[in-house]
Amino acid sequence: MKEIIFVVEEALEGGWTAKALGQAIFTEADDLESLKDMIRDAVRCHFEDDEMPCVLRLHYINEELLAI
Protein backbone atom coordinates (compact mmCIF):
# COMPACT_ATOMS: atom_id res chain seq x y z
CA MET A 1 0.00 0.00 0.00
CA LYS A 2 1.50 3.28 -1.06
CA GLU A 3 -0.90 5.83 0.43
CA ILE A 4 -3.89 6.28 2.69
CA ILE A 5 -6.38 9.08 2.18
CA PHE A 6 -7.91 10.73 5.26
CA VAL A 7 -11.02 12.90 5.25
CA VAL A 8 -10.44 15.73 7.73
CA GLU A 9 -13.41 17.68 9.10
CA GLU A 10 -14.06 20.19 11.84
CA ALA A 11 -16.05 18.48 14.61
CA LEU A 12 -19.40 19.96 15.66
CA GLU A 13 -18.36 19.94 19.32
CA GLY A 14 -15.00 21.55 18.51
CA GLY A 15 -11.67 20.21 17.35
CA TRP A 16 -11.02 18.07 14.27
CA THR A 17 -11.62 14.50 13.13
CA ALA A 18 -9.87 12.33 10.55
CA LYS A 19 -11.22 9.11 8.99
CA ALA A 20 -9.24 6.91 6.62
CA LEU A 21 -10.91 5.82 3.40
CA GLY A 22 -10.80 2.04 3.00
CA GLN A 23 -9.26 1.43 6.43
CA ALA A 24 -10.68 1.25 9.94
CA ILE A 25 -8.71 4.23 11.22
CA PHE A 26 -10.34 7.20 12.99
CA THR A 27 -8.81 9.82 15.25
CA GLU A 28 -9.53 13.27 16.61
CA ALA A 29 -7.73 16.21 18.21
CA ASP A 30 -8.25 19.76 19.41
CA ASP A 31 -6.18 21.42 16.66
CA LEU A 32 -4.81 20.55 13.21
CA GLU A 33 -1.18 20.12 14.26
CA SER A 34 -2.18 17.70 17.01
CA LEU A 35 -4.46 15.89 14.55
CA LYS A 36 -1.54 15.30 12.18
CA ASP A 37 0.42 13.73 15.04
CA MET A 38 -2.60 11.60 15.99
CA ILE A 39 -3.00 10.42 12.37
CA ARG A 40 0.66 9.36 12.20
CA ASP A 41 0.34 7.54 15.53
CA ALA A 42 -2.88 5.78 14.49
CA VAL A 43 -1.30 4.59 11.23
CA ARG A 44 1.78 3.30 13.07
CA CYS A 45 -0.49 1.33 15.43
CA HIS A 46 -2.61 -0.05 12.58
CA PHE A 47 0.15 -1.38 10.29
CA GLU A 48 3.23 -3.55 10.66
CA ASP A 49 6.51 -1.96 9.51
CA ASP A 50 6.57 -3.90 6.23
CA GLU A 51 2.98 -2.80 5.40
CA MET A 52 3.37 0.89 6.35
CA PRO A 53 2.07 3.29 3.67
CA CYS A 54 4.52 5.80 2.19
CA VAL A 55 2.08 8.72 1.96
CA LEU A 56 -0.75 9.98 4.14
CA ARG A 57 -2.96 12.28 2.08
CA LEU A 58 -5.30 14.63 3.95
CA HIS A 59 -8.48 15.91 2.26
CA TYR A 60 -9.94 18.83 4.18
CA ILE A 61 -13.73 19.15 4.04
CA ASN A 62 -15.03 22.65 4.67
CA GLU A 63 -18.80 22.91 4.77
CA GLU A 64 -20.41 26.35 4.76
CA LEU A 65 -24.06 27.35 4.80
CA LEU A 66 -25.27 30.55 3.15
CA ALA A 67 -28.49 32.31 4.12
CA ILE A 68 -30.72 33.54 1.30
PDB file of N, CA and C in Angstrom:
ATOM      1  N   MET A   1       0.850  -1.175   0.000  1.00  0.00           N
ATOM      2  CA  MET A   1       0.000   0.000   0.000  1.00  0.00           C
ATOM      3  C   MET A   1       0.893   1.234   0.000  1.00  0.00           C
ATOM      4  N   LYS A   2       0.647   2.109  -0.934  1.00  0.00           N
ATOM      5  CA  LYS A   2       1.503   3.281  -1.057  1.00  0.00           C
ATOM      6  C   LYS A   2       0.980   4.504  -0.328  1.00  0.00           C
ATOM      7  N   GLU A   3      -0.368   4.656  -0.260  1.00  0.00           N
ATOM      8  CA  GLU A   3      -0.900   5.826   0.432  1.00  0.00           C
ATOM      9  C   GLU A   3      -2.256   5.532   1.051  1.00  0.00           C
ATOM     10  N   ILE A   4      -2.575   6.314   2.064  1.00  0.00           N
ATOM     11  CA  ILE A   4      -3.891   6.278   2.685  1.00  0.00           C
ATOM     12  C   ILE A   4      -4.449   7.689   2.614  1.00  0.00           C
ATOM     13  N   ILE A   5      -5.709   7.792   2.250  1.00  0.00           N
ATOM     14  CA  ILE A   5      -6.382   9.083   2.181  1.00  0.00           C
ATOM     15  C   ILE A   5      -7.242   9.246   3.431  1.00  0.00           C
ATOM     16  N   PHE A   6      -7.103  10.382   4.094  1.00  0.00           N
ATOM     17  CA  PHE A   6      -7.911  10.730   5.256  1.00  0.00           C
ATOM     18  C   PHE A   6      -8.822  11.891   4.916  1.00  0.00           C
ATOM     19  N   VAL A   7     -10.078  11.791   5.350  1.00  0.00           N
ATOM     20  CA  VAL A   7     -11.017  12.899   5.253  1.00  0.00           C
ATOM     21  C   VAL A   7     -10.956  13.632   6.585  1.00  0.00           C
ATOM     22  N   VAL A   8     -10.603  14.915   6.536  1.00  0.00           N
ATOM     23  CA  VAL A   8     -10.444  15.729   7.735  1.00  0.00           C
ATOM     24  C   VAL A   8     -11.581  16.742   7.788  1.00  0.00           C
ATOM     25  N   GLU A   9     -12.282  16.761   8.933  1.00  0.00           N
ATOM     26  CA  GLU A   9     -13.410  17.681   9.101  1.00  0.00           C
ATOM     27  C   GLU A   9     -13.359  18.332  10.476  1.00  0.00           C
ATOM     28  N   GLU A  10     -13.908  19.525  10.549  1.00  0.00           N
ATOM     29  CA  GLU A  10     -14.061  20.185  11.837  1.00  0.00           C
ATOM     30  C   GLU A  10     -15.227  19.518  12.570  1.00  0.00           C
ATOM     31  N   ALA A  11     -15.022  19.157  13.823  1.00  0.00           N
ATOM     32  CA  ALA A  11     -16.051  18.482  14.605  1.00  0.00           C
ATOM     33  C   ALA A  11     -17.076  19.493  15.107  1.00  0.00           C
ATOM     34  N   LEU A  12     -18.331  19.079  15.188  1.00  0.00           N
ATOM     35  CA  LEU A  12     -19.403  19.960  15.661  1.00  0.00           C
ATOM     36  C   LEU A  12     -19.151  20.447  17.089  1.00  0.00           C
ATOM     37  N   GLU A  13     -18.605  19.589  17.927  1.00  0.00           N
ATOM     38  CA  GLU A  13     -18.363  19.941  19.322  1.00  0.00           C
ATOM     39  C   GLU A  13     -17.014  20.612  19.536  1.00  0.00           C
ATOM     40  N   GLY A  14     -16.321  20.916  18.447  1.00  0.00           N
ATOM     41  CA  GLY A  14     -15.003  21.551  18.515  1.00  0.00           C
ATOM     42  C   GLY A  14     -13.904  20.563  18.184  1.00  0.00           C
ATOM     43  N   GLY A  15     -12.796  21.054  17.737  1.00  0.00           N
ATOM     44  CA  GLY A  15     -11.675  20.206  17.351  1.00  0.00           C
ATOM     45  C   GLY A  15     -11.831  19.680  15.934  1.00  0.00           C
ATOM     46  N   TRP A  16     -11.086  18.633  15.619  1.00  0.00           N
ATOM     47  CA  TRP A  16     -11.023  18.074  14.267  1.00  0.00           C
ATOM     48  C   TRP A  16     -11.069  16.560  14.320  1.00  0.00           C
ATOM     49  N   THR A  17     -11.593  15.948  13.253  1.00  0.00           N
ATOM     50  CA  THR A  17     -11.617  14.496  13.126  1.00  0.00           C
ATOM     51  C   THR A  17     -10.963  14.098  11.803  1.00  0.00           C
ATOM     52  N   ALA A  18     -10.453  12.876  11.774  1.00  0.00           N
ATOM     53  CA  ALA A  18      -9.866  12.325  10.547  1.00  0.00           C
ATOM     54  C   ALA A  18     -10.284  10.866  10.432  1.00  0.00           C
ATOM     55  N   LYS A  19     -10.797  10.497   9.252  1.00  0.00           N
ATOM     56  CA  LYS A  19     -11.218   9.113   8.987  1.00  0.00           C
ATOM     57  C   LYS A  19     -10.543   8.646   7.713  1.00  0.00           C
ATOM     58  N   ALA A  20      -9.909   7.479   7.781  1.00  0.00           N
ATOM     59  CA  ALA A  20      -9.239   6.905   6.621  1.00  0.00           C
ATOM     60  C   ALA A  20     -10.265   6.283   5.690  1.00  0.00           C
ATOM     61  N   LEU A  21     -10.064   6.459   4.401  1.00  0.00           N
ATOM     62  CA  LEU A  21     -10.906   5.818   3.397  1.00  0.00           C
ATOM     63  C   LEU A  21     -10.355   4.424   3.130  1.00  0.00           C
ATOM     64  N   GLY A  22     -11.209   3.417   3.285  1.00  0.00           N
ATOM     65  CA  GLY A  22     -10.800   2.041   3.001  1.00  0.00           C
ATOM     66  C   GLY A  22     -10.073   1.349   4.133  1.00  0.00           C
ATOM     67  N   GLN A  23      -9.920   2.020   5.266  1.00  0.00           N
ATOM     68  CA  GLN A  23      -9.263   1.434   6.426  1.00  0.00           C
ATOM     69  C   GLN A  23     -10.070   1.789   7.673  1.00  0.00           C
ATOM     70  N   ALA A  24      -9.966   0.992   8.694  1.00  0.00           N
ATOM     71  CA  ALA A  24     -10.681   1.247   9.942  1.00  0.00           C
ATOM     72  C   ALA A  24      -9.815   2.097  10.872  1.00  0.00           C
ATOM     73  N   ILE A  25      -9.533   3.319  10.430  1.00  0.00           N
ATOM     74  CA  ILE A  25      -8.713   4.233  11.223  1.00  0.00           C
ATOM     75  C   ILE A  25      -9.486   5.532  11.404  1.00  0.00           C
ATOM     76  N   PHE A  26      -9.658   5.946  12.657  1.00  0.00           N
ATOM     77  CA  PHE A  26     -10.338   7.199  12.986  1.00  0.00           C
ATOM     78  C   PHE A  26      -9.611   7.821  14.166  1.00  0.00           C
ATOM     79  N   THR A  27      -9.429   9.125  14.127  1.00  0.00           N
ATOM     80  CA  THR A  27      -8.814   9.817  15.247  1.00  0.00           C
ATOM     81  C   THR A  27      -9.345  11.234  15.316  1.00  0.00           C
ATOM     82  N   GLU A  28      -9.079  11.897  16.430  1.00  0.00           N
ATOM     83  CA  GLU A  28      -9.531  13.273  16.613  1.00  0.00           C
ATOM     84  C   GLU A  28      -8.553  14.028  17.502  1.00  0.00           C
ATOM     85  N   ALA A  29      -8.610  15.361  17.406  1.00  0.00           N
ATOM     86  CA  ALA A  29      -7.728  16.205  18.210  1.00  0.00           C
ATOM     87  C   ALA A  29      -8.318  17.607  18.302  1.00  0.00           C
ATOM     88  N   ASP A  30      -7.754  18.402  19.203  1.00  0.00           N
ATOM     89  CA  ASP A  30      -8.253  19.762  19.414  1.00  0.00           C
ATOM     90  C   ASP A  30      -7.822  20.744  18.327  1.00  0.00           C
ATOM     91  N   ASP A  31      -6.661  20.504  17.699  1.00  0.00           N
ATOM     92  CA  ASP A  31      -6.177  21.418  16.658  1.00  0.00           C
ATOM     93  C   ASP A  31      -5.544  20.605  15.525  1.00  0.00           C
ATOM     94  N   LEU A  32      -5.289  21.266  14.406  1.00  0.00           N
ATOM     95  CA  LEU A  32      -4.809  20.554  13.212  1.00  0.00           C
ATOM     96  C   LEU A  32      -3.411  19.964  13.391  1.00  0.00           C
ATOM     97  N   GLU A  33      -2.525  20.662  14.062  1.00  0.00           N
ATOM     98  CA  GLU A  33      -1.175  20.123  14.258  1.00  0.00           C
ATOM     99  C   GLU A  33      -1.218  18.861  15.121  1.00  0.00           C
ATOM    100  N   SER A  34      -2.024  18.887  16.163  1.00  0.00           N
ATOM    101  CA  SER A  34      -2.180  17.695  17.010  1.00  0.00           C
ATOM    102  C   SER A  34      -2.844  16.569  16.234  1.00  0.00           C
ATOM    103  N   LEU A  35      -3.789  16.911  15.361  1.00  0.00           N
ATOM    104  CA  LEU A  35      -4.465  15.893  14.552  1.00  0.00           C
ATOM    105  C   LEU A  35      -3.474  15.180  13.634  1.00  0.00           C
ATOM    106  N   LYS A  36      -2.558  15.918  13.046  1.00  0.00           N
ATOM    107  CA  LYS A  36      -1.545  15.300  12.176  1.00  0.00           C
ATOM    108  C   LYS A  36      -0.707  14.301  12.966  1.00  0.00           C
ATOM    109  N   ASP A  37      -0.335  14.662  14.192  1.00  0.00           N
ATOM    110  CA  ASP A  37       0.425  13.734  15.044  1.00  0.00           C
ATOM    111  C   ASP A  37      -0.414  12.503  15.380  1.00  0.00           C
ATOM    112  N   MET A  38      -1.699  12.710  15.660  1.00  0.00           N
ATOM    113  CA  MET A  38      -2.595  11.597  15.985  1.00  0.00           C
ATOM    114  C   MET A  38      -2.789  10.669  14.787  1.00  0.00           C
ATOM    115  N   ILE A  39      -2.865  11.231  13.585  1.00  0.00           N
ATOM    116  CA  ILE A  39      -2.997  10.415  12.366  1.00  0.00           C
ATOM    117  C   ILE A  39      -1.764   9.530  12.208  1.00  0.00           C
ATOM    118  N   ARG A  40      -0.582  10.131  12.324  1.00  0.00           N
ATOM    119  CA  ARG A  40       0.658   9.357  12.197  1.00  0.00           C
ATOM    120  C   ARG A  40       0.689   8.220  13.227  1.00  0.00           C
ATOM    121  N   ASP A  41       0.335   8.536  14.468  1.00  0.00           N
ATOM    122  CA  ASP A  41       0.340   7.541  15.532  1.00  0.00           C
ATOM    123  C   ASP A  41      -0.662   6.419  15.246  1.00  0.00           C
ATOM    124  N   ALA A  42      -1.858   6.787  14.792  1.00  0.00           N
ATOM    125  CA  ALA A  42      -2.883   5.778  14.489  1.00  0.00           C
ATOM    126  C   ALA A  42      -2.436   4.850  13.361  1.00  0.00           C
ATOM    127  N   VAL A  43      -1.788   5.403  12.352  1.00  0.00           N
ATOM    128  CA  VAL A  43      -1.304   4.587  11.230  1.00  0.00           C
ATOM    129  C   VAL A  43      -0.195   3.650  11.708  1.00  0.00           C
ATOM    130  N   ARG A  44       0.709   4.152  12.541  1.00  0.00           N
ATOM    131  CA  ARG A  44       1.782   3.296  13.071  1.00  0.00           C
ATOM    132  C   ARG A  44       1.216   2.130  13.887  1.00  0.00           C
ATOM    133  N   CYS A  45       0.131   2.391  14.626  1.00  0.00           N
ATOM    134  CA  CYS A  45      -0.490   1.332  15.434  1.00  0.00           C
ATOM    135  C   CYS A  45      -1.253   0.325  14.570  1.00  0.00           C
ATOM    136  N   HIS A  46      -1.745   0.783  13.433  1.00  0.00           N
ATOM    137  CA  HIS A  46      -2.608  -0.048  12.582  1.00  0.00           C
ATOM    138  C   HIS A  46      -1.819  -0.995  11.669  1.00  0.00           C
ATOM    139  N   PHE A  47      -0.620  -0.606  11.265  1.00  0.00           N
ATOM    140  CA  PHE A  47       0.150  -1.382  10.285  1.00  0.00           C
ATOM    141  C   PHE A  47       1.463  -1.880  10.866  1.00  0.00           C
ATOM    142  N   GLU A  48       1.885  -3.047  10.383  1.00  0.00           N
ATOM    143  CA  GLU A  48       3.231  -3.553  10.659  1.00  0.00           C
ATOM    144  C   GLU A  48       4.221  -2.726   9.833  1.00  0.00           C
ATOM    145  N   ASP A  49       5.493  -2.751  10.206  1.00  0.00           N
ATOM    146  CA  ASP A  49       6.506  -1.959   9.513  1.00  0.00           C
ATOM    147  C   ASP A  49       6.577  -2.259   8.016  1.00  0.00           C
ATOM    148  N   ASP A  50       6.448  -3.533   7.640  1.00  0.00           N
ATOM    149  CA  ASP A  50       6.570  -3.902   6.234  1.00  0.00           C
ATOM    150  C   ASP A  50       5.319  -3.555   5.418  1.00  0.00           C
ATOM    151  N   GLU A  51       4.219  -3.166   6.086  1.00  0.00           N
ATOM    152  CA  GLU A  51       2.976  -2.796   5.398  1.00  0.00           C
ATOM    153  C   GLU A  51       2.703  -1.290   5.461  1.00  0.00           C
ATOM    154  N   MET A  52       3.577  -0.525   6.114  1.00  0.00           N
ATOM    155  CA  MET A  52       3.372   0.895   6.355  1.00  0.00           C
ATOM    156  C   MET A  52       3.260   1.665   5.040  1.00  0.00           C
ATOM    157  N   PRO A  53       2.209   2.483   4.884  1.00  0.00           N
ATOM    158  CA  PRO A  53       2.068   3.289   3.667  1.00  0.00           C
ATOM    159  C   PRO A  53       3.161   4.359   3.605  1.00  0.00           C
ATOM    160  N   CYS A  54       3.486   4.772   2.388  1.00  0.00           N
ATOM    161  CA  CYS A  54       4.518   5.796   2.188  1.00  0.00           C
ATOM    162  C   CYS A  54       3.965   7.209   2.342  1.00  0.00           C
ATOM    163  N   VAL A  55       2.689   7.384   1.991  1.00  0.00           N
ATOM    164  CA  VAL A  55       2.082   8.718   1.962  1.00  0.00           C
ATOM    165  C   VAL A  55       0.758   8.704   2.720  1.00  0.00           C
ATOM    166  N   LEU A  56       0.546   9.742   3.506  1.00  0.00           N
ATOM    167  CA  LEU A  56      -0.746   9.979   4.145  1.00  0.00           C
ATOM    168  C   LEU A  56      -1.300  11.261   3.539  1.00  0.00           C
ATOM    169  N   ARG A  57      -2.372  11.128   2.770  1.00  0.00           N
ATOM    170  CA  ARG A  57      -2.960  12.278   2.077  1.00  0.00           C
ATOM    171  C   ARG A  57      -4.174  12.760   2.867  1.00  0.00           C
ATOM    172  N   LEU A  58      -4.216  14.053   3.168  1.00  0.00           N
ATOM    173  CA  LEU A  58      -5.302  14.635   3.945  1.00  0.00           C
ATOM    174  C   LEU A  58      -6.191  15.477   3.035  1.00  0.00           C
ATOM    175  N   HIS A  59      -7.481  15.140   3.015  1.00  0.00           N
ATOM    176  CA  HIS A  59      -8.478  15.911   2.264  1.00  0.00           C
ATOM    177  C   HIS A  59      -9.316  16.670   3.285  1.00  0.00           C
ATOM    178  N   TYR A  60      -9.209  17.986   3.237  1.00  0.00           N
ATOM    179  CA  TYR A  60      -9.943  18.830   4.179  1.00  0.00           C
ATOM    180  C   TYR A  60     -11.325  19.152   3.619  1.00  0.00           C
ATOM    181  N   ILE A  61     -12.343  18.869   4.429  1.00  0.00           N
ATOM    182  CA  ILE A  61     -13.726  19.153   4.041  1.00  0.00           C
ATOM    183  C   ILE A  61     -14.154  20.396   4.809  1.00  0.00           C
ATOM    184  N   ASN A  62     -14.578  21.412   4.063  1.00  0.00           N
ATOM    185  CA  ASN A  62     -15.033  22.647   4.675  1.00  0.00           C
ATOM    186  C   ASN A  62     -16.464  22.904   4.203  1.00  0.00           C
ATOM    187  N   GLU A  63     -17.394  22.729   5.111  1.00  0.00           N
ATOM    188  CA  GLU A  63     -18.797  22.908   4.770  1.00  0.00           C
ATOM    189  C   GLU A  63     -19.246  24.275   5.267  1.00  0.00           C
ATOM    190  N   GLU A  64     -19.931  25.006   4.398  1.00  0.00           N
ATOM    191  CA  GLU A  64     -20.408  26.349   4.763  1.00  0.00           C
ATOM    192  C   GLU A  64     -21.844  26.516   4.301  1.00  0.00           C
ATOM    193  N   LEU A  65     -22.669  27.092   5.141  1.00  0.00           N
ATOM    194  CA  LEU A  65     -24.059  27.353   4.802  1.00  0.00           C
ATOM    195  C   LEU A  65     -24.230  28.835   4.534  1.00  0.00           C
ATOM    196  N   LEU A  66     -24.971  29.163   3.487  1.00  0.00           N
ATOM    197  CA  LEU A  66     -25.265  30.547   3.154  1.00  0.00           C
ATOM    198  C   LEU A  66     -26.743  30.811   3.331  1.00  0.00           C
ATOM    199  N   ALA A  67     -27.086  31.911   3.958  1.00  0.00           N
ATOM    200  CA  ALA A  67     -28.485  32.305   4.116  1.00  0.00           C
ATOM    201  C   ALA A  67     -28.920  33.045   2.843  1.00  0.00           C
ATOM    202  N   ILE A  68     -30.169  32.847   2.484  1.00  0.00           N
ATOM    203  CA  ILE A  68     -30.720  33.537   1.301  1.00  0.00           C
ATOM    204  C   ILE A  68     -31.397  34.812   1.720  1.00  0.00           C
TER     205      ILE A  68
END
